[in-house]
N, C-alpha and C. Protein backbone atom coordinates (compact mmCIF):
# COMPACT_ATOMS: atom_id res chain seq x y z
N MET A 1 13.28 -27.33 -20.93
CA MET A 1 12.52 -27.54 -20.17
C MET A 1 13.08 -28.91 -19.60
N THR A 2 13.44 -29.05 -17.92
CA THR A 2 14.20 -30.35 -17.84
C THR A 2 12.79 -31.06 -16.52
N VAL A 3 13.57 -32.00 -15.69
CA VAL A 3 12.92 -33.17 -15.30
C VAL A 3 12.53 -32.76 -14.32
N ALA A 4 13.11 -31.20 -13.62
CA ALA A 4 13.11 -30.29 -12.07
C ALA A 4 11.65 -29.70 -12.75
N ALA A 5 11.43 -28.89 -13.54
CA ALA A 5 10.20 -28.08 -14.18
C ALA A 5 9.25 -28.97 -14.37
N GLY A 6 9.53 -30.03 -14.76
CA GLY A 6 7.91 -30.87 -14.72
C GLY A 6 7.65 -31.61 -13.33
N VAL A 7 8.56 -31.35 -12.74
CA VAL A 7 8.33 -32.05 -11.32
C VAL A 7 7.92 -30.87 -10.42
N GLY A 8 8.31 -29.49 -10.79
CA GLY A 8 7.84 -28.23 -10.44
C GLY A 8 6.02 -28.17 -10.09
N TYR A 9 6.12 -28.16 -11.97
CA TYR A 9 4.69 -28.27 -11.93
C TYR A 9 3.75 -29.07 -11.37
N ALA A 10 4.25 -30.35 -11.12
CA ALA A 10 3.40 -31.63 -10.88
C ALA A 10 3.54 -31.43 -9.06
N LEU A 11 3.90 -30.57 -8.52
CA LEU A 11 3.49 -30.46 -7.43
C LEU A 11 3.20 -28.95 -7.00
N ILE A 12 3.28 -28.12 -7.85
CA ILE A 12 2.39 -26.81 -8.18
C ILE A 12 0.59 -27.45 -8.39
N ALA A 13 0.76 -28.42 -8.86
CA ALA A 13 -1.13 -28.54 -9.08
C ALA A 13 -1.44 -29.83 -7.86
N LEU A 14 0.20 -30.19 -7.24
CA LEU A 14 -0.43 -31.55 -6.88
C LEU A 14 -0.33 -31.19 -5.04
N GLY A 15 0.91 -31.03 -4.84
CA GLY A 15 1.58 -31.13 -3.86
C GLY A 15 0.78 -29.93 -2.19
N PRO A 16 -0.71 -29.62 -2.62
CA PRO A 16 -1.18 -29.25 -1.56
C PRO A 16 -1.93 -30.44 -1.06
N ALA A 17 -2.42 -30.91 -2.14
CA ALA A 17 -2.99 -32.01 -1.88
C ALA A 17 -2.46 -33.21 -1.56
N PHE A 18 -1.50 -33.58 -1.53
CA PHE A 18 -0.91 -34.91 -1.28
C PHE A 18 -0.24 -34.12 0.46
N SER A 19 0.13 -32.94 0.69
CA SER A 19 -0.13 -32.16 2.25
C SER A 19 -0.76 -32.82 2.71
N LEU A 20 -2.33 -32.55 2.47
CA LEU A 20 -3.41 -32.85 3.03
C LEU A 20 -3.77 -34.12 3.31
N PHE A 21 -3.37 -34.82 2.30
CA PHE A 21 -3.33 -36.64 2.30
C PHE A 21 -2.80 -37.12 3.44
N ALA A 22 -1.45 -36.42 2.89
CA ALA A 22 -0.62 -37.16 4.56
C ALA A 22 -0.54 -36.48 5.83
N GLY A 23 -1.36 -35.30 5.88
CA GLY A 23 -1.63 -34.50 7.33
C GLY A 23 -2.93 -35.14 8.07
N VAL A 24 -3.74 -35.32 7.00
CA VAL A 24 -5.24 -35.54 7.93
C VAL A 24 -6.27 -36.79 6.85
N ILE A 25 -5.96 -37.37 6.22
CA ILE A 25 -6.91 -38.17 5.26
C ILE A 25 -6.36 -39.78 5.73
N ALA A 26 -4.62 -39.64 5.43
CA ALA A 26 -3.98 -40.92 5.76
C ALA A 26 -4.22 -41.42 6.99
N ARG A 27 -4.44 -40.66 8.26
CA ARG A 27 -4.34 -41.32 9.32
C ARG A 27 -5.64 -41.89 9.67
N LYS A 28 -6.52 -41.93 8.74
CA LYS A 28 -7.68 -42.95 9.69
C LYS A 28 -7.91 -43.15 8.36
N PRO A 29 -8.54 -44.75 7.82
CA PRO A 29 -8.86 -45.77 7.01
C PRO A 29 -10.16 -45.27 6.34
N PHE A 30 -10.98 -45.20 7.11
CA PHE A 30 -12.22 -44.83 6.48
C PHE A 30 -12.32 -43.77 5.54
N LEU A 31 -11.49 -42.07 5.91
CA LEU A 31 -11.37 -41.11 4.87
C LEU A 31 -10.51 -41.48 3.40
N VAL A 32 -9.73 -42.41 3.84
CA VAL A 32 -8.85 -42.94 2.71
C VAL A 32 -9.95 -43.54 1.96
N LEU A 33 -10.81 -44.50 2.36
CA LEU A 33 -11.67 -44.91 1.62
C LEU A 33 -13.05 -43.82 0.73
N THR A 34 -13.04 -43.11 1.51
CA THR A 34 -14.19 -42.13 1.03
C THR A 34 -13.63 -41.41 0.09
N LEU A 35 -12.42 -41.57 -0.17
CA LEU A 35 -11.53 -40.95 -0.67
C LEU A 35 -11.44 -40.77 -2.40
N LEU A 36 -11.77 -42.44 -1.91
CA LEU A 36 -11.85 -43.53 -3.39
C LEU A 36 -13.49 -43.60 -3.47
N SER A 37 -14.54 -43.45 -3.05
CA SER A 37 -15.90 -43.52 -3.35
C SER A 37 -17.02 -42.25 -2.56
N ARG A 38 -18.11 -42.47 -3.35
CA ARG A 38 -18.99 -41.52 -2.67
C ARG A 38 -20.06 -42.34 -1.56
N LYS A 39 -21.27 -41.43 -0.48
CA LYS A 39 -21.90 -42.02 -0.40
C LYS A 39 -21.35 -43.16 0.72
N MET A 40 -20.44 -42.87 1.29
CA MET A 40 -19.86 -43.18 2.59
C MET A 40 -20.52 -43.18 4.18
N GLU A 41 -20.49 -41.97 3.82
CA GLU A 41 -21.31 -41.31 5.09
C GLU A 41 -22.03 -42.09 5.71
N GLU A 42 -23.45 -42.49 4.71
CA GLU A 42 -24.34 -43.15 4.56
C GLU A 42 -24.25 -44.71 5.34
N MET A 43 -23.18 -45.58 4.44
CA MET A 43 -22.68 -46.31 4.77
C MET A 43 -22.42 -47.07 6.20
N LEU A 44 -21.46 -45.60 6.56
CA LEU A 44 -20.67 -45.85 7.85
C LEU A 44 -21.56 -45.59 8.93
N ASP A 45 -22.41 -45.04 8.59
CA ASP A 45 -23.16 -44.71 9.65
C ASP A 45 -24.01 -45.85 9.69
N ALA A 46 -24.89 -46.57 8.84
CA ALA A 46 -25.54 -47.49 8.70
C ALA A 46 -25.02 -48.70 9.06
N PHE A 47 -23.62 -49.06 9.21
CA PHE A 47 -22.66 -50.16 9.59
C PHE A 47 -22.58 -49.76 11.07
N ALA A 48 -22.61 -48.49 11.78
CA ALA A 48 -22.53 -48.43 12.98
C ALA A 48 -23.82 -48.75 14.01
N ASP A 49 -25.08 -48.45 13.05
CA ASP A 49 -26.43 -48.40 13.90
C ASP A 49 -26.09 -50.43 13.92
N ARG A 50 -25.68 -51.59 12.70
CA ARG A 50 -25.65 -52.54 13.21
C ARG A 50 -24.82 -53.72 13.73
N ILE A 51 -23.64 -52.18 14.52
CA ILE A 51 -23.24 -52.75 15.23
C ILE A 51 -22.76 -52.08 16.50
N SER A 52 -24.16 -51.57 16.48
CA SER A 52 -24.37 -51.03 18.18
C SER A 52 -23.48 -50.14 18.36
N LYS A 53 -23.04 -49.55 17.62
CA LYS A 53 -21.52 -48.33 17.94
C LYS A 53 -22.61 -46.99 17.86
N PRO A 54 -21.92 -45.74 18.30
CA PRO A 54 -22.16 -44.82 18.00
C PRO A 54 -22.35 -44.21 16.59
N ARG A 55 -22.59 -43.45 16.10
CA ARG A 55 -22.93 -42.83 14.89
C ARG A 55 -21.77 -41.87 14.78
N LEU A 56 -21.58 -41.59 13.31
CA LEU A 56 -20.55 -40.52 13.13
C LEU A 56 -21.10 -39.40 13.77
N CYS A 57 -19.63 -38.33 14.25
CA CYS A 57 -19.49 -37.15 15.03
C CYS A 57 -19.57 -36.83 13.94
N LEU A 58 -19.69 -34.89 14.39
CA LEU A 58 -19.32 -33.79 13.21
C LEU A 58 -17.95 -33.74 13.06
N THR A 59 -17.06 -34.31 13.70
CA THR A 59 -15.72 -34.06 12.71
C THR A 59 -15.42 -35.58 11.73
N ASP A 60 -15.90 -36.25 12.44
CA ASP A 60 -15.98 -37.08 11.24
C ASP A 60 -16.61 -36.84 10.09
N LYS A 61 -17.56 -36.59 10.33
CA LYS A 61 -18.53 -36.21 8.96
C LYS A 61 -17.87 -34.83 8.48
N MET A 62 -17.38 -33.63 8.84
CA MET A 62 -16.24 -33.02 8.14
C MET A 62 -15.49 -33.46 7.50
N LEU A 63 -14.66 -34.43 8.21
CA LEU A 63 -13.64 -35.04 7.12
C LEU A 63 -13.55 -35.98 6.41
N ILE A 64 -14.98 -36.30 6.32
CA ILE A 64 -15.42 -37.15 5.21
C ILE A 64 -15.89 -36.01 3.85
N SER A 65 -16.52 -35.20 4.54
CA SER A 65 -16.38 -34.38 3.29
C SER A 65 -15.37 -33.56 2.95
N LEU A 66 -13.97 -33.43 3.50
CA LEU A 66 -13.00 -32.84 3.12
C LEU A 66 -12.45 -34.29 2.14
N ALA A 67 -12.23 -35.37 2.55
CA ALA A 67 -11.68 -36.34 1.79
C ALA A 67 -12.33 -36.44 0.64
N GLY A 68 -13.63 -36.21 0.61
CA GLY A 68 -14.44 -36.58 -1.17
C GLY A 68 -14.07 -35.41 -1.88
N GLY A 69 -14.43 -34.20 -1.11
CA GLY A 69 -13.50 -32.99 -2.19
C GLY A 69 -12.34 -33.06 -2.48
N LEU A 70 -11.67 -34.14 -1.48
CA LEU A 70 -10.02 -33.95 -2.66
C LEU A 70 -9.65 -34.86 -3.34
N GLY A 71 -10.39 -35.80 -3.42
CA GLY A 71 -10.88 -37.05 -4.10
C GLY A 71 -11.29 -36.76 -5.61
N HIS A 72 -12.18 -35.69 -5.59
CA HIS A 72 -12.95 -34.89 -6.49
C HIS A 72 -11.72 -34.00 -7.18
N GLY A 73 -11.40 -33.21 -6.28
CA GLY A 73 -10.17 -32.11 -7.19
C GLY A 73 -9.21 -32.76 -7.20
N LEU A 74 -8.03 -34.03 -6.83
CA LEU A 74 -7.40 -34.76 -7.11
C LEU A 74 -7.55 -35.30 -8.74
N ALA A 75 -8.88 -36.01 -8.76
CA ALA A 75 -9.27 -36.68 -9.99
C ALA A 75 -9.29 -35.67 -11.36
N HIS A 76 -9.85 -34.17 -10.88
CA HIS A 76 -9.70 -33.33 -12.02
C HIS A 76 -8.31 -33.08 -12.47
N ALA A 77 -7.30 -32.55 -11.13
CA ALA A 77 -5.95 -32.43 -11.40
C ALA A 77 -5.70 -33.33 -12.27
N VAL A 78 -5.38 -34.56 -11.90
CA VAL A 78 -4.82 -35.99 -12.70
C VAL A 78 -5.17 -35.45 -14.37
N PHE A 79 -6.59 -35.60 -14.48
CA PHE A 79 -7.01 -35.69 -15.66
C PHE A 79 -6.89 -34.22 -16.92
N PHE A 80 -6.93 -33.50 -15.95
CA PHE A 80 -6.48 -32.07 -16.72
C PHE A 80 -5.43 -31.05 -16.71
N CYS A 81 -4.50 -32.04 -16.11
CA CYS A 81 -3.01 -31.35 -15.75
C CYS A 81 -2.00 -31.91 -15.77
N LEU A 82 -1.94 -33.18 -15.19
CA LEU A 82 -0.80 -34.03 -14.99
C LEU A 82 -0.92 -34.99 -16.20
N SER A 83 -1.86 -35.33 -17.08
CA SER A 83 -2.00 -35.75 -18.27
C SER A 83 -1.48 -35.29 -19.54
N LEU A 84 -1.63 -33.83 -19.21
CA LEU A 84 -0.34 -32.74 -20.27
C LEU A 84 0.51 -32.50 -19.66
N LEU A 85 1.66 -32.99 -19.02
CA LEU A 85 2.60 -32.91 -18.48
C LEU A 85 3.89 -33.72 -18.61
N THR A 86 3.31 -34.74 -19.62
CA THR A 86 4.43 -35.84 -20.21
C THR A 86 5.67 -34.80 -20.97
N PRO A 87 5.14 -34.22 -21.99
CA PRO A 87 5.75 -32.74 -22.75
C PRO A 87 6.55 -32.17 -21.64
N ALA A 88 6.29 -31.70 -20.77
CA ALA A 88 7.15 -31.37 -20.24
C ALA A 88 8.61 -31.09 -19.32
N PHE A 89 9.12 -32.43 -19.37
CA PHE A 89 9.73 -33.33 -19.41
C PHE A 89 10.91 -33.12 -20.25
N GLY A 90 10.26 -32.76 -21.36
CA GLY A 90 11.26 -32.37 -22.55
C GLY A 90 12.23 -30.99 -22.51
N GLN A 91 13.11 -31.12 -23.31
CA GLN A 91 14.20 -29.75 -23.82
C GLN A 91 13.64 -28.67 -24.10
N ALA A 92 12.52 -28.08 -24.21
CA ALA A 92 12.03 -26.76 -24.27
C ALA A 92 10.62 -26.26 -23.54
N THR A 93 10.27 -25.32 -23.77
CA THR A 93 9.56 -25.02 -22.76
C THR A 93 8.13 -24.74 -23.67
N PHE A 94 6.80 -25.18 -23.41
CA PHE A 94 6.17 -24.37 -24.51
C PHE A 94 4.97 -23.38 -24.13
N TYR A 95 4.69 -22.99 -25.52
CA TYR A 95 3.55 -21.46 -24.52
C TYR A 95 2.71 -21.20 -25.89
N VAL A 96 1.36 -20.73 -25.49
CA VAL A 96 0.47 -21.06 -26.78
C VAL A 96 0.43 -19.43 -26.92
N GLU A 97 -0.10 -19.46 -28.22
CA GLU A 97 -0.21 -17.86 -29.04
C GLU A 97 -0.96 -17.19 -28.31
N ARG A 98 -2.18 -17.56 -27.43
CA ARG A 98 -3.00 -16.63 -26.99
C ARG A 98 -2.55 -16.41 -25.60
N CYS A 99 -0.90 -16.58 -25.17
CA CYS A 99 -0.71 -16.74 -23.57
C CYS A 99 0.88 -16.67 -24.29
N SER A 100 1.68 -15.95 -24.86
CA SER A 100 2.65 -16.35 -25.11
C SER A 100 3.99 -15.59 -23.74
N ARG A 101 3.31 -15.47 -22.95
CA ARG A 101 3.84 -14.68 -21.58
C ARG A 101 4.05 -15.84 -20.36
N MET A 102 3.25 -16.37 -20.44
CA MET A 102 3.23 -17.42 -19.67
C MET A 102 3.71 -19.07 -19.95
N PRO A 103 4.31 -20.65 -19.59
CA PRO A 103 4.19 -21.37 -20.11
C PRO A 103 3.14 -22.09 -20.29
N PHE A 104 2.72 -22.41 -21.16
CA PHE A 104 1.21 -23.45 -20.64
C PHE A 104 1.14 -24.66 -19.58
N PHE A 105 2.51 -25.00 -19.51
CA PHE A 105 2.55 -26.16 -18.33
C PHE A 105 1.80 -25.29 -16.94
N LEU A 106 2.55 -23.99 -16.99
CA LEU A 106 2.33 -23.36 -15.19
C LEU A 106 0.88 -23.15 -15.22
N VAL A 107 0.66 -22.47 -16.24
CA VAL A 107 -0.88 -22.04 -16.48
C VAL A 107 -1.57 -23.03 -16.12
N SER A 108 -1.68 -24.14 -16.77
CA SER A 108 -2.19 -25.43 -16.15
C SER A 108 -2.31 -26.44 -15.29
N ALA A 109 -0.82 -26.20 -14.59
CA ALA A 109 -0.27 -26.57 -13.34
C ALA A 109 -1.75 -25.10 -12.18
N ILE A 110 -1.28 -24.37 -12.54
CA ILE A 110 -1.81 -23.00 -11.34
C ILE A 110 -3.74 -23.58 -11.72
N ILE A 111 -4.44 -23.47 -12.88
CA ILE A 111 -5.76 -24.06 -13.18
C ILE A 111 -6.17 -25.17 -12.18
N ALA A 112 -4.81 -26.41 -12.20
CA ALA A 112 -5.90 -27.53 -11.71
C ALA A 112 -5.33 -26.96 -10.32
N LEU A 113 -4.42 -26.31 -9.78
CA LEU A 113 -4.18 -26.17 -7.95
C LEU A 113 -5.58 -24.86 -7.63
N GLY A 114 -6.22 -24.46 -8.41
CA GLY A 114 -7.12 -23.71 -8.10
C GLY A 114 -8.39 -24.28 -8.07
N PHE A 115 -8.82 -25.15 -8.67
CA PHE A 115 -9.87 -26.27 -9.54
C PHE A 115 -9.87 -27.58 -7.89
N LEU A 116 -8.33 -27.72 -7.47
CA LEU A 116 -8.45 -28.84 -6.63
C LEU A 116 -8.88 -27.90 -5.32
N VAL A 117 -8.53 -26.83 -5.10
CA VAL A 117 -8.95 -26.29 -3.87
C VAL A 117 -10.35 -25.61 -4.00
N ILE A 118 -11.07 -25.27 -5.41
CA ILE A 118 -12.27 -25.08 -5.00
C ILE A 118 -13.32 -26.78 -5.01
N HIS A 119 -12.74 -27.73 -5.66
CA HIS A 119 -13.76 -28.88 -5.81
C HIS A 119 -13.02 -29.23 -3.61
N THR A 120 -12.45 -29.34 -3.38
CA THR A 120 -11.93 -29.99 -1.92
C THR A 120 -13.11 -28.71 -0.92
N SER A 121 -13.16 -27.32 -1.18
CA SER A 121 -13.61 -25.78 -0.19
C SER A 121 -15.53 -26.14 -0.82
N SER A 122 -15.61 -26.80 -1.64
CA SER A 122 -17.15 -26.96 -2.23
C SER A 122 -17.77 -27.86 -1.93
N MET A 123 -16.81 -29.24 -1.37
CA MET A 123 -17.55 -30.61 -0.85
C MET A 123 -18.05 -30.19 0.04
N ILE A 124 -16.80 -29.41 1.23
CA ILE A 124 -17.68 -29.32 2.53
C ILE A 124 -18.17 -28.15 2.77
N ILE A 125 -18.77 -27.22 1.90
CA ILE A 125 -20.09 -26.19 2.04
C ILE A 125 -21.27 -26.81 1.12
N ALA A 126 -20.81 -27.87 0.27
CA ALA A 126 -22.03 -28.67 -0.22
C ALA A 126 -22.57 -29.53 1.25
N PHE A 127 -21.65 -30.33 1.52
CA PHE A 127 -22.21 -31.32 2.66
C PHE A 127 -22.72 -30.70 3.79
N ASN A 128 -22.61 -29.47 3.95
CA ASN A 128 -22.95 -28.35 5.05
C ASN A 128 -24.42 -28.17 4.76
N GLY A 129 -24.40 -28.03 3.46
CA GLY A 129 -25.51 -27.09 2.83
C GLY A 129 -26.96 -27.94 3.04
N TYR A 130 -27.06 -29.41 2.47
CA TYR A 130 -27.55 -30.65 2.19
C TYR A 130 -27.85 -31.11 3.32
N GLY A 131 -26.68 -31.45 4.76
CA GLY A 131 -26.82 -31.33 5.63
C GLY A 131 -27.95 -30.96 6.67
N GLU A 132 -28.00 -29.59 6.55
CA GLU A 132 -28.29 -28.51 7.77
C GLU A 132 -29.71 -27.51 6.53
N ARG A 133 -29.84 -28.37 5.15
CA ARG A 133 -30.61 -27.26 4.56
C ARG A 133 -30.70 -26.10 4.61
N LYS A 134 -29.33 -25.66 4.28
CA LYS A 134 -28.91 -24.25 4.62
C LYS A 134 -28.79 -24.13 2.45
N LYS A 135 -29.93 -22.96 2.14
CA LYS A 135 -29.88 -23.19 0.66
C LYS A 135 -28.45 -22.02 0.05
N ARG A 136 -28.65 -21.21 1.09
CA ARG A 136 -27.55 -20.32 0.54
C ARG A 136 -26.03 -21.21 0.38
N ASP A 137 -25.57 -22.24 1.27
CA ASP A 137 -24.94 -23.11 0.77
C ASP A 137 -24.89 -24.18 0.00
N GLN A 138 -25.92 -24.19 -0.44
CA GLN A 138 -26.38 -25.20 -1.74
C GLN A 138 -26.76 -24.43 -3.45
N ILE A 139 -26.47 -23.32 -3.09
CA ILE A 139 -26.82 -22.46 -4.22
C ILE A 139 -25.12 -22.09 -4.28
N PHE A 140 -24.54 -21.60 -3.66
CA PHE A 140 -23.12 -21.37 -3.75
C PHE A 140 -22.07 -22.05 -4.35
N VAL A 141 -22.19 -23.43 -3.78
CA VAL A 141 -21.54 -24.49 -4.74
C VAL A 141 -21.45 -24.83 -6.49
N PRO A 142 -22.74 -24.87 -6.98
CA PRO A 142 -22.56 -24.22 -8.56
C PRO A 142 -22.62 -23.09 -9.11
N VAL A 143 -22.62 -22.05 -8.34
CA VAL A 143 -22.54 -20.53 -8.72
C VAL A 143 -20.79 -20.50 -8.70
N VAL A 144 -20.19 -20.50 -7.75
CA VAL A 144 -18.78 -20.62 -7.98
C VAL A 144 -18.30 -21.94 -9.08
N HIS A 145 -18.81 -22.72 -8.95
CA HIS A 145 -18.12 -23.65 -10.37
C HIS A 145 -18.47 -22.83 -11.73
N LEU A 146 -19.75 -22.34 -11.79
CA LEU A 146 -19.85 -21.40 -12.98
C LEU A 146 -19.06 -20.42 -13.13
N ILE A 147 -18.57 -19.85 -12.12
CA ILE A 147 -17.63 -18.63 -11.95
C ILE A 147 -16.19 -19.04 -12.47
N ALA A 148 -15.54 -20.18 -12.02
CA ALA A 148 -14.63 -20.64 -11.94
C ALA A 148 -14.78 -21.27 -13.38
N ALA A 149 -15.25 -22.01 -14.25
CA ALA A 149 -15.04 -22.00 -14.98
C ALA A 149 -15.22 -20.74 -16.31
N VAL A 150 -16.18 -19.55 -16.26
CA VAL A 150 -16.09 -18.90 -16.52
C VAL A 150 -14.69 -17.73 -17.18
N MET A 151 -14.24 -18.10 -15.19
CA MET A 151 -12.50 -17.38 -15.43
C MET A 151 -11.03 -18.33 -15.81
N THR A 152 -11.48 -19.45 -16.57
CA THR A 152 -10.92 -20.05 -17.44
C THR A 152 -11.10 -19.75 -18.99
N LEU A 153 -12.25 -19.13 -19.00
CA LEU A 153 -12.94 -18.94 -20.66
C LEU A 153 -12.07 -17.58 -20.56
N ILE A 154 -11.22 -16.91 -20.07
CA ILE A 154 -10.56 -15.71 -20.22
C ILE A 154 -9.58 -16.10 -20.89
N ASN A 155 -9.00 -17.47 -20.55
CA ASN A 155 -7.46 -17.71 -21.38
C ASN A 155 -7.97 -17.61 -22.85
N LEU A 156 -8.43 -18.34 -23.47
CA LEU A 156 -9.12 -17.39 -24.74
C LEU A 156 -8.88 -16.42 -25.52
N VAL A 157 -8.70 -15.39 -24.72
CA VAL A 157 -8.31 -14.07 -25.01
C VAL A 157 -6.49 -14.20 -25.15
N PRO A 158 -6.39 -13.65 -26.18
CA PRO A 158 -4.48 -13.07 -26.28
C PRO A 158 -4.52 -12.55 -24.72
N GLY A 159 -3.84 -12.98 -24.40
CA GLY A 159 -2.95 -12.58 -23.47
C GLY A 159 -3.98 -13.04 -21.89
N GLY A 160 -5.03 -13.29 -22.30
CA GLY A 160 -6.38 -13.56 -21.48
C GLY A 160 -5.71 -14.31 -19.83
N CYS A 161 -4.62 -15.35 -20.00
CA CYS A 161 -3.80 -16.01 -18.97
C CYS A 161 -3.45 -15.06 -17.92
N LEU A 162 -3.09 -13.60 -18.17
CA LEU A 162 -2.41 -12.98 -17.03
C LEU A 162 -3.75 -12.38 -16.20
N VAL A 163 -4.67 -12.59 -16.62
CA VAL A 163 -6.06 -12.16 -16.26
C VAL A 163 -6.74 -13.13 -15.45
N GLY A 164 -7.33 -14.19 -16.07
CA GLY A 164 -8.02 -15.32 -16.00
C GLY A 164 -7.71 -16.20 -14.80
N THR A 165 -6.15 -16.56 -14.80
CA THR A 165 -6.00 -17.26 -13.79
C THR A 165 -5.54 -16.65 -12.86
N PRO A 166 -5.10 -15.46 -12.55
CA PRO A 166 -4.86 -14.32 -10.83
C PRO A 166 -6.44 -14.84 -10.60
N LEU A 167 -7.18 -14.69 -11.17
CA LEU A 167 -9.14 -14.60 -11.24
C LEU A 167 -8.86 -15.74 -10.40
N LEU A 168 -8.75 -17.28 -11.51
CA LEU A 168 -9.28 -18.11 -10.99
C LEU A 168 -8.69 -18.48 -9.47
N CYS A 169 -7.65 -18.12 -9.21
CA CYS A 169 -7.16 -18.25 -7.88
C CYS A 169 -7.61 -17.38 -6.80
N VAL A 170 -7.80 -16.04 -6.86
CA VAL A 170 -8.81 -15.45 -6.12
C VAL A 170 -10.29 -16.05 -5.76
N THR A 171 -10.37 -16.51 -7.15
CA THR A 171 -11.55 -17.83 -6.81
C THR A 171 -11.85 -18.95 -6.05
N ALA A 172 -10.74 -19.59 -6.28
CA ALA A 172 -10.38 -20.89 -5.49
C ALA A 172 -10.24 -19.68 -3.40
N ALA A 173 -9.00 -19.03 -3.30
CA ALA A 173 -9.19 -18.42 -1.60
C ALA A 173 -9.83 -18.18 -1.58
N MET A 174 -11.40 -17.48 -2.45
CA MET A 174 -12.89 -17.14 -1.60
C MET A 174 -13.73 -18.26 -1.24
N THR A 175 -13.01 -19.37 -1.85
CA THR A 175 -14.33 -20.43 -1.47
C THR A 175 -13.49 -21.18 -0.86
N LEU A 176 -12.16 -20.99 -0.61
CA LEU A 176 -11.30 -21.57 0.79
C LEU A 176 -11.90 -21.29 2.26
N TYR A 177 -11.62 -19.41 1.95
CA TYR A 177 -12.13 -19.00 2.72
C TYR A 177 -13.33 -19.06 3.31
N TYR A 178 -14.58 -19.37 2.57
CA TYR A 178 -15.70 -19.28 3.01
C TYR A 178 -16.02 -20.96 3.99
N SER A 179 -15.20 -21.84 2.95
CA SER A 179 -15.39 -23.13 3.40
C SER A 179 -15.02 -23.09 5.11
N TRP A 180 -14.00 -22.44 5.07
CA TRP A 180 -13.57 -22.22 6.47
C TRP A 180 -14.58 -21.61 7.76
N GLN A 181 -14.96 -20.51 7.17
CA GLN A 181 -16.30 -20.03 8.12
C GLN A 181 -17.27 -21.00 7.78
N VAL A 182 -17.48 -21.60 7.23
CA VAL A 182 -18.84 -22.64 7.08
C VAL A 182 -18.56 -23.91 8.66
N VAL A 183 -17.35 -24.06 8.77
CA VAL A 183 -16.56 -24.74 9.42
C VAL A 183 -16.45 -24.78 11.16
N GLY A 184 -15.88 -23.28 10.79
CA GLY A 184 -16.05 -22.59 12.11
C GLY A 184 -17.49 -22.51 12.60
N GLN A 185 -18.20 -22.30 11.53
CA GLN A 185 -19.82 -21.46 12.55
C GLN A 185 -20.30 -23.12 12.74
N ARG A 186 -20.34 -24.23 12.00
CA ARG A 186 -20.90 -25.68 12.21
C ARG A 186 -20.34 -25.87 13.67
N ILE A 187 -19.36 -25.82 13.78
CA ILE A 187 -18.39 -26.29 14.78
C ILE A 187 -18.97 -25.83 16.15
N THR A 188 -19.05 -24.19 16.31
CA THR A 188 -19.52 -23.44 17.37
C THR A 188 -21.06 -23.61 17.39
N GLU A 189 -21.86 -23.76 16.42
CA GLU A 189 -23.23 -23.91 16.85
C GLU A 189 -23.34 -25.66 17.65
N HIS A 190 -22.13 -26.79 17.55
CA HIS A 190 -22.43 -27.71 17.61
C HIS A 190 -22.09 -28.10 19.20
N GLN A 191 -20.78 -26.96 19.55
CA GLN A 191 -20.53 -26.84 21.02
C GLN A 191 -21.59 -26.06 21.70
N HIS A 192 -22.16 -25.40 21.24
CA HIS A 192 -23.25 -24.59 21.85
C HIS A 192 -24.38 -25.75 22.08
N ARG A 193 -25.03 -26.26 21.01
CA ARG A 193 -25.72 -27.35 21.24
C ARG A 193 -25.34 -28.35 22.63
N GLN A 194 -24.24 -28.63 22.48
CA GLN A 194 -24.03 -29.70 23.61
C GLN A 194 -23.55 -29.36 25.04
N SER A 195 -23.59 -27.94 25.32
CA SER A 195 -23.29 -26.68 26.51
C SER A 195 -24.64 -26.65 26.90
C-alpha cells in the first residue's frame, strides 16, 4: 500500500462529509458551533428571544439537525476508521481471515461512510420526529441503527464482508432517501401553512 491508498480510504470515509461541510455548514457560523455541540437550537432560540430577534426559521432548524448529524457521523468515522488507517500508509495491503477478498481498510472506510450517512440522515429524521411528535420518525432512527449494527455483524462470517458491507450501504441509502422525503414533506407543509 502507499500513501495514495491511505488517502483514498480516508476520502471514501470522510470525503462526502468534507464536501457537505464546505458546501453547507461552513457558510453559517452557528452551524459550525452546532457541529461541535448539542442543544444548540434551544440556545439560539433563547438568545433570539433575549435580543428581540425572530426565532429560528424552518430552514435554520433543518440545517442545525444536518450539522448535528454530520458532527455525530464525523466523530464515528474518526474513531472507527481514521484511527485504524495508520497502517494503511505502509508497504502492504492488509486482509483479515474472515474477509480475504476485500482489503480491511476498504471495508472499514465503506462502513464509516455508511454510518456517516446514517447518522447525518437520522439526526434530520429524529429532529423532525420529536419536533412534530411523529412516532414513526422517532421509532425509525433507533430501528435503522439496530439494522445497521446487524449488517456489520455479518462481516464476522467468512466472506461476510462481501454481503454485509453492501447491505450497510443499502441501509444508508434508504435512510438518506427517507430523510430526503421527510425534509421535502416538512418544507411543503410549512409552505402550505404560510399561504
